[in-house]
Amino acid sequence: MTIEKHERSTKDLVKAAVSGWLGTALEFMDF
């Protein structure tokens, strides 16, 4: 596993976590 690949997967993980959190927050606030 290269460092570049690791960094990219970490960014993807953060992106997925943020989008998942945003989806939950929007659902919770019922916009």
C-alpha atoms as a PDB file:
ATOM      1  CA  MET A   1       0.000   0.000   0.000  1.00  0.00           C
ATOM      2  CA  THR A   2       1.501   3.301  -1.069  1.00  0.00           C
ATOM      3  CA  ILE A   3       1.180   6.527   0.882  1.00  0.00           C
ATOM      4  CA  GLU A   4      -0.656   8.199  -2.001  1.00  0.00           C
ATOM      5  CA  LYS A   5      -3.253   5.429  -2.106  1.00  0.00           C
ATOM      6  CA  HIS A   6      -3.650   5.603   1.672  1.00  0.00           C
ATOM      7  CA  GLU A   7      -4.157   9.370   1.582  1.00  0.00           C
ATOM      8  CA  ARG A   8      -6.730   9.060  -1.189  1.00  0.00           C
ATOM      9  CA  SER A   9      -8.701   6.377   0.662  1.00  0.00           C
ATOM     10  CA  THR A  10      -8.586   8.520   3.812  1.00  0.00           C
ATOM     11  CA  LYS A  11     -10.001  11.478   1.887  1.00  0.00           C
ATOM     12  CA  ASP A  12     -12.730   9.236   0.455  1.00  0.00           C
ATOM     13  CA  LEU A  13     -13.504   7.975   3.965  1.00  0.00           C
ATOM     14  CA  VAL A  14     -13.795  11.537   5.295  1.00  0.00           C
ATOM     15  CA  LYS A  15     -15.969  12.493   2.318  1.00  0.00           C
ATOM     16  CA  ALA A  16     -18.264   9.522   2.962  1.00  0.00           C
ATOM     17  CA  ALA A  17     -18.463  10.342   6.684  1.00  0.00           C
ATOM     18  CA  VAL A  18     -19.264  14.010   6.009  1.00  0.00           C
ATOM     19  CA  SER A  19     -21.918  13.248   3.385  1.00  0.00           C
ATOM     20  CA  GLY A  20     -23.424  10.614   5.693  1.00  0.00           C
ATOM     21  CA  TRP A  21     -23.458  13.054   8.622  1.00  0.00           C
ATOM     22  CA  LEU A  22     -24.987  15.788   6.454  1.00  0.00           C
ATOM     23  CA  GLY A  23     -27.695  13.396   5.252  1.00  0.00           C
ATOM     24  CA  THR A  24     -28.508  12.440   8.844  1.00  0.00           C
ATOM     25  CA  ALA A  25     -28.495  16.076   9.987  1.00  0.00           C
ATOM     26  CA  LEU A  26     -30.789  17.151   7.140  1.00  0.00           C
ATOM     27  CA  GLU A  27     -33.137  14.248   7.904  1.00  0.00           C
ATOM     28  CA  PHE A  28     -33.112  15.064  11.624  1.00  0.00           C
ATOM     29  CA  MET A  29     -33.875  18.758  11.009  1.00  0.00           C
ATOM     30  CA  ASP A  30     -36.519  17.765   8.428  1.00  0.00           C
ATOM     31  CA  PHE A  31     -35.734  20.544   5.953  1.00  0.00           C
END
